[in-house]
Amino acid sequence: MRKGIHPENYRIVAFKDMSNDDVFLTKSTAETKETIEVDGVEYPLVKMEISRTSHPYYTGKSKLVDTAGRIDKFKTKYAKFKK
């Protein structure tokens, strides 16, 4: 391995799947400002929309994600600014 090309700031980070609230810990260099407490220890938190516990390829199940609902909420929220 060449020296000086790999990051030195690896640390334990919590990744949270927002679709099913699954949290897992792994080493990462991902920057984040949020934290979460897992088993009494506080870790930096990275939020994800999909992970191995919710992806249809790994679960074998098809899951409908409500993206249309999010768009409708956005449009109604900002409709008052439209002129």
PDB file of N, CA and C in Angstrom:
ATOM      1  N   MET A   1       0.828  -1.184   0.000  1.00  0.00           N
ATOM      2  CA  MET A   1       0.000   0.000   0.000  1.00  0.00           C
ATOM      3  C   MET A   1       0.874   1.250   0.000  1.00  0.00           C
ATOM      4  N   ARG A   2       0.441   2.239  -0.766  1.00  0.00           N
ATOM      5  CA  ARG A   2       1.165   3.512  -0.762  1.00  0.00           C
ATOM      6  C   ARG A   2       0.851   4.278   0.514  1.00  0.00           C
ATOM      7  N   LYS A   3       1.818   4.964   1.022  1.00  0.00           N
ATOM      8  CA  LYS A   3       1.641   5.738   2.242  1.00  0.00           C
ATOM      9  C   LYS A   3       1.078   7.114   1.916  1.00  0.00           C
ATOM     10  N   GLY A   4       0.271   7.645   2.827  1.00  0.00           N
ATOM     11  CA  GLY A   4      -0.235   8.998   2.703  1.00  0.00           C
ATOM     12  C   GLY A   4      -1.481   9.173   1.853  1.00  0.00           C
ATOM     13  N   ILE A   5      -2.069   8.112   1.324  1.00  0.00           N
ATOM     14  CA  ILE A   5      -3.260   8.274   0.481  1.00  0.00           C
ATOM     15  C   ILE A   5      -4.543   7.833   1.191  1.00  0.00           C
ATOM     16  N   HIS A   6      -4.429   7.207   2.350  1.00  0.00           N
ATOM     17  CA  HIS A   6      -5.595   6.717   3.073  1.00  0.00           C
ATOM     18  C   HIS A   6      -5.937   7.653   4.223  1.00  0.00           C
ATOM     19  N   PRO A   7      -7.228   7.887   4.478  1.00  0.00           N
ATOM     20  CA  PRO A   7      -7.622   8.787   5.564  1.00  0.00           C
ATOM     21  C   PRO A   7      -7.223   8.229   6.930  1.00  0.00           C
ATOM     22  N   GLU A   8      -6.934   9.132   7.841  1.00  0.00           N
ATOM     23  CA  GLU A   8      -6.515   8.741   9.190  1.00  0.00           C
ATOM     24  C   GLU A   8      -7.638   8.884  10.209  1.00  0.00           C
ATOM     25  N   ASN A   9      -8.746   9.515   9.836  1.00  0.00           N
ATOM     26  CA  ASN A   9      -9.792   9.843  10.802  1.00  0.00           C
ATOM     27  C   ASN A   9     -10.931   8.822  10.855  1.00  0.00           C
ATOM     28  N   TYR A  10     -10.625   7.535  10.790  1.00  0.00           N
ATOM     29  CA  TYR A  10     -11.658   6.507  10.937  1.00  0.00           C
ATOM     30  C   TYR A  10     -12.151   6.504  12.373  1.00  0.00           C
ATOM     31  N   ARG A  11     -13.463   6.380  12.548  1.00  0.00           N
ATOM     32  CA  ARG A  11     -14.054   6.278  13.871  1.00  0.00           C
ATOM     33  C   ARG A  11     -15.347   5.479  13.763  1.00  0.00           C
ATOM     34  N   ILE A  12     -15.879   5.050  14.898  1.00  0.00           N
ATOM     35  CA  ILE A  12     -17.137   4.310  14.904  1.00  0.00           C
ATOM     36  C   ILE A  12     -18.277   5.303  14.668  1.00  0.00           C
ATOM     37  N   VAL A  13     -19.132   4.995  13.682  1.00  0.00           N
ATOM     38  CA  VAL A  13     -20.255   5.853  13.310  1.00  0.00           C
ATOM     39  C   VAL A  13     -21.522   5.007  13.287  1.00  0.00           C
ATOM     40  N   ALA A  14     -22.646   5.586  13.728  1.00  0.00           N
ATOM     41  CA  ALA A  14     -23.937   4.916  13.673  1.00  0.00           C
ATOM     42  C   ALA A  14     -24.641   5.313  12.383  1.00  0.00           C
ATOM     43  N   PHE A  15     -25.078   4.337  11.619  1.00  0.00           N
ATOM     44  CA  PHE A  15     -25.860   4.567  10.407  1.00  0.00           C
ATOM     45  C   PHE A  15     -27.299   4.160  10.721  1.00  0.00           C
ATOM     46  N   LYS A  16     -28.267   5.050  10.427  1.00  0.00           N
ATOM     47  CA  LYS A  16     -29.670   4.780  10.728  1.00  0.00           C
ATOM     48  C   LYS A  16     -30.482   4.759   9.442  1.00  0.00           C
ATOM     49  N   ASP A  17     -31.179   3.655   9.229  1.00  0.00           N
ATOM     50  CA  ASP A  17     -32.091   3.513   8.093  1.00  0.00           C
ATOM     51  C   ASP A  17     -33.392   4.194   8.490  1.00  0.00           C
ATOM     52  N   MET A  18     -33.732   5.285   7.825  1.00  0.00           N
ATOM     53  CA  MET A  18     -34.902   6.069   8.195  1.00  0.00           C
ATOM     54  C   MET A  18     -36.218   5.392   7.814  1.00  0.00           C
ATOM     55  N   SER A  19     -36.187   4.406   6.928  1.00  0.00           N
ATOM     56  CA  SER A  19     -37.420   3.738   6.525  1.00  0.00           C
ATOM     57  C   SER A  19     -37.877   2.696   7.541  1.00  0.00           C
ATOM     58  N   ASN A  20     -36.950   2.136   8.333  1.00  0.00           N
ATOM     59  CA  ASN A  20     -37.362   1.138   9.330  1.00  0.00           C
ATOM     60  C   ASN A  20     -36.677   1.323  10.687  1.00  0.00           C
ATOM     61  N   ASP A  21     -35.967   2.437  10.874  1.00  0.00           N
ATOM     62  CA  ASP A  21     -35.311   2.795  12.142  1.00  0.00           C
ATOM     63  C   ASP A  21     -34.252   1.795  12.600  1.00  0.00           C
ATOM     64  N   ASP A  22     -33.701   1.022  11.691  1.00  0.00           N
ATOM     65  CA  ASP A  22     -32.614   0.109  12.023  1.00  0.00           C
ATOM     66  C   ASP A  22     -31.323   0.919  12.163  1.00  0.00           C
ATOM     67  N   VAL A  23     -30.543   0.641  13.213  1.00  0.00           N
ATOM     68  CA  VAL A  23     -29.276   1.339  13.452  1.00  0.00           C
ATOM     69  C   VAL A  23     -28.172   0.301  13.498  1.00  0.00           C
ATOM     70  N   PHE A  24     -27.068   0.564  12.773  1.00  0.00           N
ATOM     71  CA  PHE A  24     -25.914  -0.311  12.872  1.00  0.00           C
ATOM     72  C   PHE A  24     -24.642   0.529  12.966  1.00  0.00           C
ATOM     73  N   LEU A  25     -23.638  -0.023  13.616  1.00  0.00           N
ATOM     74  CA  LEU A  25     -22.377   0.676  13.846  1.00  0.00           C
ATOM     75  C   LEU A  25     -21.294   0.111  12.942  1.00  0.00           C
ATOM     76  N   THR A  26     -20.470   0.993  12.416  1.00  0.00           N
ATOM     77  CA  THR A  26     -19.338   0.585  11.600  1.00  0.00           C
ATOM     78  C   THR A  26     -18.314   1.711  11.595  1.00  0.00           C
ATOM     79  N   LYS A  27     -17.113   1.415  11.148  1.00  0.00           N
ATOM     80  CA  LYS A  27     -16.096   2.454  11.036  1.00  0.00           C
ATOM     81  C   LYS A  27     -16.323   3.258   9.766  1.00  0.00           C
ATOM     82  N   SER A  28     -16.106   4.578   9.872  1.00  0.00           N
ATOM     83  CA  SER A  28     -16.326   5.437   8.724  1.00  0.00           C
ATOM     84  C   SER A  28     -15.567   6.748   8.905  1.00  0.00           C
ATOM     85  N   THR A  29     -15.390   7.464   7.803  1.00  0.00           N
ATOM     86  CA  THR A  29     -14.821   8.809   7.835  1.00  0.00           C
ATOM     87  C   THR A  29     -15.890   9.845   7.511  1.00  0.00           C
ATOM     88  N   ALA A  30     -17.150   9.432   7.418  1.00  0.00           N
ATOM     89  CA  ALA A  30     -18.249  10.329   7.060  1.00  0.00           C
ATOM     90  C   ALA A  30     -18.383  11.442   8.092  1.00  0.00           C
ATOM     91  N   GLU A  31     -18.515  12.684   7.602  1.00  0.00           N
ATOM     92  CA  GLU A  31     -18.683  13.840   8.472  1.00  0.00           C
ATOM     93  C   GLU A  31     -20.165  14.036   8.766  1.00  0.00           C
ATOM     94  N   THR A  32     -20.494  14.328  10.013  1.00  0.00           N
ATOM     95  CA  THR A  32     -21.874  14.569  10.407  1.00  0.00           C
ATOM     96  C   THR A  32     -21.914  15.435  11.649  1.00  0.00           C
ATOM     97  N   LYS A  33     -22.984  16.190  11.806  1.00  0.00           N
ATOM     98  CA  LYS A  33     -23.152  17.041  12.980  1.00  0.00           C
ATOM     99  C   LYS A  33     -24.107  16.419  13.997  1.00  0.00           C
ATOM    100  N   GLU A  34     -24.878  15.414  13.584  1.00  0.00           N
ATOM    101  CA  GLU A  34     -25.851  14.784  14.466  1.00  0.00           C
ATOM    102  C   GLU A  34     -25.219  13.622  15.228  1.00  0.00           C
ATOM    103  N   THR A  35     -25.789  13.320  16.393  1.00  0.00           N
ATOM    104  CA  THR A  35     -25.323  12.188  17.193  1.00  0.00           C
ATOM    105  C   THR A  35     -26.525  11.368  17.647  1.00  0.00           C
ATOM    106  N   ILE A  36     -26.244  10.129  18.055  1.00  0.00           N
ATOM    107  CA  ILE A  36     -27.275   9.236  18.579  1.00  0.00           C
ATOM    108  C   ILE A  36     -26.643   8.399  19.681  1.00  0.00           C
ATOM    109  N   GLU A  37     -27.451   8.036  20.665  1.00  0.00           N
ATOM    110  CA  GLU A  37     -26.956   7.204  21.749  1.00  0.00           C
ATOM    111  C   GLU A  37     -27.357   5.754  21.499  1.00  0.00           C
ATOM    112  N   VAL A  38     -26.367   4.868  21.477  1.00  0.00           N
ATOM    113  CA  VAL A  38     -26.592   3.437  21.271  1.00  0.00           C
ATOM    114  C   VAL A  38     -25.920   2.703  22.419  1.00  0.00           C
ATOM    115  N   ASP A  39     -26.696   1.952  23.184  1.00  0.00           N
ATOM    116  CA  ASP A  39     -26.196   1.197  24.333  1.00  0.00           C
ATOM    117  C   ASP A  39     -25.433   2.078  25.310  1.00  0.00           C
ATOM    118  N   GLY A  40     -25.920   3.298  25.542  1.00  0.00           N
ATOM    119  CA  GLY A  40     -25.310   4.200  26.516  1.00  0.00           C
ATOM    120  C   GLY A  40     -24.094   4.955  26.028  1.00  0.00           C
ATOM    121  N   VAL A  41     -23.728   4.785  24.753  1.00  0.00           N
ATOM    122  CA  VAL A  41     -22.567   5.471  24.181  1.00  0.00           C
ATOM    123  C   VAL A  41     -23.048   6.366  23.047  1.00  0.00           C
ATOM    124  N   GLU A  42     -22.529   7.596  22.971  1.00  0.00           N
ATOM    125  CA  GLU A  42     -22.937   8.528  21.927  1.00  0.00           C
ATOM    126  C   GLU A  42     -22.015   8.408  20.712  1.00  0.00           C
ATOM    127  N   TYR A  43     -22.635   8.266  19.531  1.00  0.00           N
ATOM    128  CA  TYR A  43     -21.905   8.113  18.276  1.00  0.00           C
ATOM    129  C   TYR A  43     -22.358   9.171  17.274  1.00  0.00           C
ATOM    130  N   PRO A  44     -21.501   9.547  16.317  1.00  0.00           N
ATOM    131  CA  PRO A  44     -21.955  10.393  15.207  1.00  0.00           C
ATOM    132  C   PRO A  44     -23.007   9.625  14.404  1.00  0.00           C
ATOM    133  N   LEU A  45     -24.009  10.332  13.875  1.00  0.00           N
ATOM    134  CA  LEU A  45     -25.126   9.693  13.184  1.00  0.00           C
ATOM    135  C   LEU A  45     -25.159  10.085  11.717  1.00  0.00           C
ATOM    136  N   VAL A  46     -25.275   9.070  10.846  1.00  0.00           N
ATOM    137  CA  VAL A  46     -25.483   9.278   9.417  1.00  0.00           C
ATOM    138  C   VAL A  46     -26.832   8.653   9.081  1.00  0.00           C
ATOM    139  N   LYS A  47     -27.755   9.470   8.532  1.00  0.00           N
ATOM    140  CA  LYS A  47     -29.088   8.982   8.183  1.00  0.00           C
ATOM    141  C   LYS A  47     -29.113   8.520   6.734  1.00  0.00           C
ATOM    142  N   MET A  48     -29.783   7.376   6.489  1.00  0.00           N
ATOM    143  CA  MET A  48     -29.888   6.812   5.144  1.00  0.00           C
ATOM    144  C   MET A  48     -31.354   6.534   4.840  1.00  0.00           C
ATOM    145  N   GLU A  49     -31.708   6.601   3.579  1.00  0.00           N
ATOM    146  CA  GLU A  49     -33.071   6.282   3.162  1.00  0.00           C
ATOM    147  C   GLU A  49     -33.277   4.776   3.004  1.00  0.00           C
ATOM    148  N   ILE A  50     -32.216   4.065   2.659  1.00  0.00           N
ATOM    149  CA  ILE A  50     -32.345   2.631   2.412  1.00  0.00           C
ATOM    150  C   ILE A  50     -31.034   1.948   2.795  1.00  0.00           C
ATOM    151  N   SER A  51     -31.129   0.747   3.350  1.00  0.00           N
ATOM    152  CA  SER A  51     -29.937  -0.019   3.745  1.00  0.00           C
ATOM    153  C   SER A  51     -30.177  -1.493   3.478  1.00  0.00           C
ATOM    154  N   ARG A  52     -29.299  -2.314   3.967  1.00  0.00           N
ATOM    155  CA  ARG A  52     -29.427  -3.750   3.740  1.00  0.00           C
ATOM    156  C   ARG A  52     -30.659  -4.344   4.415  1.00  0.00           C
ATOM    157  N   THR A  53     -31.201  -3.673   5.427  1.00  0.00           N
ATOM    158  CA  THR A  53     -32.384  -4.199   6.120  1.00  0.00           C
ATOM    159  C   THR A  53     -33.695  -3.778   5.468  1.00  0.00           C
ATOM    160  N   SER A  54     -33.637  -2.846   4.498  1.00  0.00           N
ATOM    161  CA  SER A  54     -34.873  -2.416   3.851  1.00  0.00           C
ATOM    162  C   SER A  54     -34.833  -2.514   2.326  1.00  0.00           C
ATOM    163  N   HIS A  55     -33.683  -2.802   1.747  1.00  0.00           N
ATOM    164  CA  HIS A  55     -33.575  -2.881   0.291  1.00  0.00           C
ATOM    165  C   HIS A  55     -34.228  -4.170  -0.215  1.00  0.00           C
ATOM    166  N   PRO A  56     -35.076  -4.068  -1.234  1.00  0.00           N
ATOM    167  CA  PRO A  56     -35.776  -5.253  -1.745  1.00  0.00           C
ATOM    168  C   PRO A  56     -34.845  -6.384  -2.194  1.00  0.00           C
ATOM    169  N   TYR A  57     -33.664  -6.071  -2.667  1.00  0.00           N
ATOM    170  CA  TYR A  57     -32.737  -7.110  -3.109  1.00  0.00           C
ATOM    171  C   TYR A  57     -32.345  -8.015  -1.944  1.00  0.00           C
ATOM    172  N   TYR A  58     -32.113  -7.425  -0.775  1.00  0.00           N
ATOM    173  CA  TYR A  58     -31.677  -8.204   0.390  1.00  0.00           C
ATOM    174  C   TYR A  58     -32.841  -8.791   1.178  1.00  0.00           C
ATOM    175  N   THR A  59     -33.982  -8.105   1.186  1.00  0.00           N
ATOM    176  CA  THR A  59     -35.116  -8.578   1.979  1.00  0.00           C
ATOM    177  C   THR A  59     -36.022  -9.520   1.198  1.00  0.00           C
ATOM    178  N   GLY A  60     -35.999  -9.428  -0.130  1.00  0.00           N
ATOM    179  CA  GLY A  60     -36.877 -10.252  -0.942  1.00  0.00           C
ATOM    180  C   GLY A  60     -38.294  -9.723  -0.998  1.00  0.00           C
ATOM    181  N   LYS A  61     -38.531  -8.548  -0.417  1.00  0.00           N
ATOM    182  CA  LYS A  61     -39.856  -7.943  -0.395  1.00  0.00           C
ATOM    183  C   LYS A  61     -39.825  -6.629  -1.151  1.00  0.00           C
ATOM    184  N   SER A  62     -40.920  -6.318  -1.793  1.00  0.00           N
ATOM    185  CA  SER A  62     -41.057  -5.041  -2.467  1.00  0.00           C
ATOM    186  C   SER A  62     -41.730  -4.074  -1.508  1.00  0.00           C
ATOM    187  N   LYS A  63     -41.179  -2.876  -1.380  1.00  0.00           N
ATOM    188  CA  LYS A  63     -41.732  -1.892  -0.456  1.00  0.00           C
ATOM    189  C   LYS A  63     -42.017  -0.612  -1.216  1.00  0.00           C
ATOM    190  N   LEU A  64     -43.212  -0.067  -1.031  1.00  0.00           N
ATOM    191  CA  LEU A  64     -43.613   1.168  -1.692  1.00  0.00           C
ATOM    192  C   LEU A  64     -43.130   2.354  -0.862  1.00  0.00           C
ATOM    193  N   VAL A  65     -42.346   3.228  -1.472  1.00  0.00           N
ATOM    194  CA  VAL A  65     -41.876   4.432  -0.809  1.00  0.00           C
ATOM    195  C   VAL A  65     -42.775   5.576  -1.243  1.00  0.00           C
ATOM    196  N   ASP A  66     -43.278   6.323  -0.300  1.00  0.00           N
ATOM    197  CA  ASP A  66     -44.235   7.395  -0.570  1.00  0.00           C
ATOM    198  C   ASP A  66     -43.517   8.675  -0.993  1.00  0.00           C
ATOM    199  N   THR A  67     -42.993   8.698  -2.209  1.00  0.00           N
ATOM    200  CA  THR A  67     -42.346   9.908  -2.694  1.00  0.00           C
ATOM    201  C   THR A  67     -43.370  10.912  -3.177  1.00  0.00           C
ATOM    202  N   ALA A  68     -44.490  10.447  -3.684  1.00  0.00           N
ATOM    203  CA  ALA A  68     -45.533  11.364  -4.156  1.00  0.00           C
ATOM    204  C   ALA A  68     -46.094  12.164  -2.988  1.00  0.00           C
ATOM    205  N   GLY A  69     -46.244  11.554  -1.848  1.00  0.00           N
ATOM    206  CA  GLY A  69     -46.737  12.264  -0.672  1.00  0.00           C
ATOM    207  C   GLY A  69     -45.799  13.375  -0.248  1.00  0.00           C
ATOM    208  N   ARG A  70     -44.510  13.148  -0.349  1.00  0.00           N
ATOM    209  CA  ARG A  70     -43.527  14.172   0.008  1.00  0.00           C
ATOM    210  C   ARG A  70     -43.606  15.346  -0.945  1.00  0.00           C
ATOM    211  N   ILE A  71     -43.777  15.062  -2.220  1.00  0.00           N
ATOM    212  CA  ILE A  71     -43.858  16.128  -3.223  1.00  0.00           C
ATOM    213  C   ILE A  71     -45.112  16.959  -2.994  1.00  0.00           C
ATOM    214  N   ASP A  72     -46.229  16.301  -2.706  1.00  0.00           N
ATOM    215  CA  ASP A  72     -47.475  17.021  -2.446  1.00  0.00           C
ATOM    216  C   ASP A  72     -47.353  17.914  -1.209  1.00  0.00           C
ATOM    217  N   LYS A  73     -46.709  17.411  -0.165  1.00  0.00           N
ATOM    218  CA  LYS A  73     -46.510  18.220   1.040  1.00  0.00           C
ATOM    219  C   LYS A  73     -45.662  19.449   0.730  1.00  0.00           C
ATOM    220  N   PHE A  74     -44.614  19.264  -0.067  1.00  0.00           N
ATOM    221  CA  PHE A  74     -43.735  20.374  -0.442  1.00  0.00           C
ATOM    222  C   PHE A  74     -44.508  21.424  -1.232  1.00  0.00           C
ATOM    223  N   LYS A  75     -45.299  20.976  -2.205  1.00  0.00           N
ATOM    224  CA  LYS A  75     -46.056  21.907  -3.042  1.00  0.00           C
ATOM    225  C   LYS A  75     -47.078  22.694  -2.225  1.00  0.00           C
ATOM    226  N   THR A  76     -47.784  22.039  -1.315  1.00  0.00           N
ATOM    227  CA  THR A  76     -48.770  22.752  -0.503  1.00  0.00           C
ATOM    228  C   THR A  76     -48.099  23.703   0.484  1.00  0.00           C
ATOM    229  N   LYS A  77     -46.956  23.324   1.007  1.00  0.00           N
ATOM    230  CA  LYS A  77     -46.242  24.180   1.955  1.00  0.00           C
ATOM    231  C   LYS A  77     -45.770  25.475   1.309  1.00  0.00           C
ATOM    232  N   TYR A  78     -45.256  25.369   0.070  1.00  0.00           N
ATOM    233  CA  TYR A  78     -44.682  26.540  -0.589  1.00  0.00           C
ATOM    234  C   TYR A  78     -45.607  27.166  -1.632  1.00  0.00           C
ATOM    235  N   ALA A  79     -46.855  26.726  -1.701  1.00  0.00           N
ATOM    236  CA  ALA A  79     -47.808  27.301  -2.651  1.00  0.00           C
ATOM    237  C   ALA A  79     -48.134  28.754  -2.310  1.00  0.00           C
ATOM    238  N   LYS A  80     -48.059  29.100  -1.040  1.00  0.00           N
ATOM    239  CA  LYS A  80     -48.381  30.473  -0.630  1.00  0.00           C
ATOM    240  C   LYS A  80     -47.358  31.486  -1.133  1.00  0.00           C
ATOM    241  N   PHE A  81     -46.153  31.053  -1.478  1.00  0.00           N
ATOM    242  CA  PHE A  81     -45.118  31.948  -1.985  1.00  0.00           C
ATOM    243  C   PHE A  81     -45.197  32.136  -3.500  1.00  0.00           C
ATOM    244  N   LYS A  82     -45.975  31.276  -4.159  1.00  0.00           N
ATOM    245  CA  LYS A  82     -46.088  31.325  -5.607  1.00  0.00           C
ATOM    246  C   LYS A  82     -46.995  32.486  -6.019  1.00  0.00           C
ATOM    247  N   LYS A  83     -46.548  33.267  -6.969  1.00  0.00           N
ATOM    248  CA  LYS A  83     -47.351  34.424  -7.420  1.00  0.00           C
ATOM    249  C   LYS A  83     -47.567  34.411  -8.895  1.00  0.00           C
TER     250      LYS A  83
END
